[in-house]
Each structure stands twice: as structure tokens, then as C-alpha cells.
Amino acid sequence: MPDSVASGAAHWGDSPRSPSHQRKKVLPVNGEDDHAAPRQPIDLRRHRQRTDRNLLIGGFALALLVGGGLIWTFYGLGAMFMGWLVLSGGMLLFALIYGVLRLMEIWSAPRCDE
């Protein structure tokens, strides 16, 4: 019978003398140290707003660059500028709607100073 089976090791090839059976240091939950200063709470709403904004900017930049490049490749420079104009108009409309909704969110948010 192999030594690991006879000793009751958890995994094949592990023995009580192997490094995997030595006592491992237990890390605190979430990487926090007992002596470290407490972390500031994360504002999830602000994080979501930043993530949404960055995704929108990146998406429109990608559409302008990749879309413009593909239009230029297949249809020429004049068509690329027209495509940019159309995409910019769509971004302007989207920004207007986003701005109105954002203002409504700010106005409807409960205020702590009242």
C-alpha cells in the first residue's frame, strides 16, 4: 500500500511530511490586516456612474475610430467624414437624453442637509 494511502493523506502523493500538509498561514477576510487602518466604504453608486460613463465614451470612440476606418476603407474619405458627422449627431442626441436623465436623478435624490 502506498505511503500516502496508509497515512490517510488527502491527495495522491501527499504525505504528512510533504509541504502541502504543513500549517499554512490563514489570511484575513478580504485581505484586511488586523492592525491595518479600516478601509473607507465604497460608494457603489459613484462607481456605477463612472463605469457607465467610461463605457459610453469608449463605445462611441470605438464606433468613431473603427467605424470610420471601415467606411474609409470601403467607401473613401468623403464617406468617412459623413459617417463621423452622422455618428457625432447620434452621440449629441444621446448626450442630451443622458444629461436630462442625469439632472432628473440629481434633482430627485434625497438631500442630507434637510
Protein backbone atom coordinates (compact mmCIF):
# COMPACT_ATOMS: atom_id res chain seq x y z
CA MET A 1 0.00 0.00 0.00
CA PRO A 2 1.42 3.45 -0.90
CA ASP A 3 2.63 5.61 1.94
CA SER A 4 0.07 8.38 1.21
CA VAL A 5 -2.90 5.99 1.41
CA ALA A 6 -1.65 4.37 4.57
CA SER A 7 -1.14 7.71 6.29
CA GLY A 8 -4.59 9.00 5.26
CA ALA A 9 -3.26 11.89 3.14
CA ALA A 10 -5.90 13.97 1.39
CA HIS A 11 -4.39 13.92 -2.10
CA TRP A 12 -2.47 11.38 -4.09
CA GLY A 13 1.20 11.74 -3.41
CA ASP A 14 0.71 13.88 -0.29
CA SER A 15 2.23 12.58 2.85
CA PRO A 16 2.33 14.10 6.33
CA ARG A 17 5.89 15.13 5.59
CA SER A 18 5.06 16.95 2.31
CA PRO A 19 4.88 20.77 2.21
CA SER A 20 1.15 20.68 1.39
CA HIS A 21 0.41 19.28 4.87
CA GLN A 22 2.37 21.91 6.73
CA ARG A 23 0.34 24.54 8.51
CA LYS A 24 -0.45 27.39 6.14
CA LYS A 25 -0.84 31.00 7.16
CA VAL A 26 -4.52 31.94 7.20
CA LEU A 27 -5.13 35.29 5.56
CA PRO A 28 -7.75 37.64 6.98
CA VAL A 29 -11.01 38.05 5.09
CA ASN A 30 -10.87 40.46 2.11
CA GLY A 31 -7.14 40.88 2.53
CA GLU A 32 -7.57 43.10 5.58
CA ASP A 33 -4.89 43.03 8.22
CA ASP A 34 -5.83 43.07 11.91
CA HIS A 35 -3.51 46.00 12.55
CA ALA A 36 -4.28 47.99 9.39
CA ALA A 37 -6.45 51.07 9.40
CA PRO A 38 -10.07 50.35 8.37
CA ARG A 39 -10.87 50.89 4.73
CA GLN A 40 -13.21 53.61 3.57
CA PRO A 41 -16.57 52.28 2.38
CA ILE A 42 -17.00 52.06 -1.37
CA ASP A 43 -19.68 54.26 -2.92
CA LEU A 44 -21.26 51.80 -5.35
CA ARG A 45 -23.48 54.42 -6.97
CA ARG A 46 -20.49 56.62 -7.86
CA HIS A 47 -18.60 53.55 -9.10
CA ARG A 48 -21.55 52.59 -11.34
CA GLN A 49 -21.80 56.12 -12.72
CA ARG A 50 -18.08 56.24 -13.54
CA THR A 51 -18.22 52.80 -15.14
CA ASP A 52 -21.26 53.72 -17.24
CA ARG A 53 -19.64 56.96 -18.36
CA ASN A 54 -16.37 55.25 -19.28
CA LEU A 55 -18.16 52.50 -21.20
CA LEU A 56 -20.19 55.04 -23.16
CA ILE A 57 -17.16 57.16 -24.02
CA GLY A 58 -15.19 54.07 -25.01
CA GLY A 59 -18.05 52.69 -27.09
CA PHE A 60 -18.53 55.91 -29.02
CA ALA A 61 -14.77 56.32 -29.51
CA LEU A 62 -14.59 52.75 -30.79
CA ALA A 63 -17.52 53.39 -33.14
CA LEU A 64 -15.88 56.55 -34.48
CA LEU A 65 -12.45 55.01 -34.97
CA VAL A 66 -13.32 51.51 -36.15
CA GLY A 67 -16.48 52.53 -37.98
CA GLY A 68 -14.74 55.48 -39.59
CA GLY A 69 -11.82 53.31 -40.59
CA LEU A 70 -14.06 50.70 -42.19
CA ILE A 71 -16.09 53.34 -44.03
CA TRP A 72 -12.86 54.93 -45.27
CA THR A 73 -11.54 51.55 -46.41
CA PHE A 74 -14.64 50.61 -48.41
CA TYR A 75 -16.13 53.97 -49.49
CA GLY A 76 -13.41 56.63 -49.29
CA LEU A 77 -12.53 59.72 -47.30
CA GLY A 78 -15.67 61.76 -48.05
CA ALA A 79 -17.94 58.97 -46.85
CA MET A 80 -15.83 58.63 -43.68
CA PHE A 81 -16.39 62.29 -42.80
CA MET A 82 -20.11 61.90 -43.46
CA GLY A 83 -20.18 58.82 -41.23
CA TRP A 84 -18.41 60.76 -38.49
CA LEU A 85 -20.95 63.55 -38.85
CA VAL A 86 -23.84 61.11 -38.51
CA LEU A 87 -22.23 59.32 -35.54
CA SER A 88 -21.49 62.67 -33.88
CA GLY A 89 -25.13 63.68 -34.30
CA GLY A 90 -26.22 60.43 -32.68
CA MET A 91 -23.79 61.00 -29.81
CA LEU A 92 -25.15 64.52 -29.35
CA LEU A 93 -28.72 63.22 -29.14
CA PHE A 94 -27.67 60.52 -26.71
CA ALA A 95 -25.74 63.04 -24.59
CA LEU A 96 -28.79 65.30 -24.48
CA ILE A 97 -31.05 62.48 -23.26
CA TYR A 98 -28.41 61.30 -20.80
CA GLY A 99 -27.98 64.84 -19.46
CA VAL A 100 -31.73 65.30 -18.92
CA LEU A 101 -32.00 61.96 -17.12
CA ARG A 102 -28.92 62.76 -15.02
CA LEU A 103 -30.41 66.13 -13.99
CA MET A 104 -33.65 64.38 -13.04
CA GLU A 105 -31.65 61.94 -10.91
CA ILE A 106 -29.80 64.77 -9.16
CA TRP A 107 -33.00 66.74 -8.51
CA SER A 108 -34.87 63.70 -7.17
CA ALA A 109 -32.04 62.50 -4.87
CA PRO A 110 -32.75 62.92 -1.16
CA ARG A 111 -30.70 65.64 0.45
CA CYS A 112 -28.89 65.04 3.73
CA ASP A 113 -28.91 68.74 4.77
CA GLU A 114 -32.71 68.97 5.11
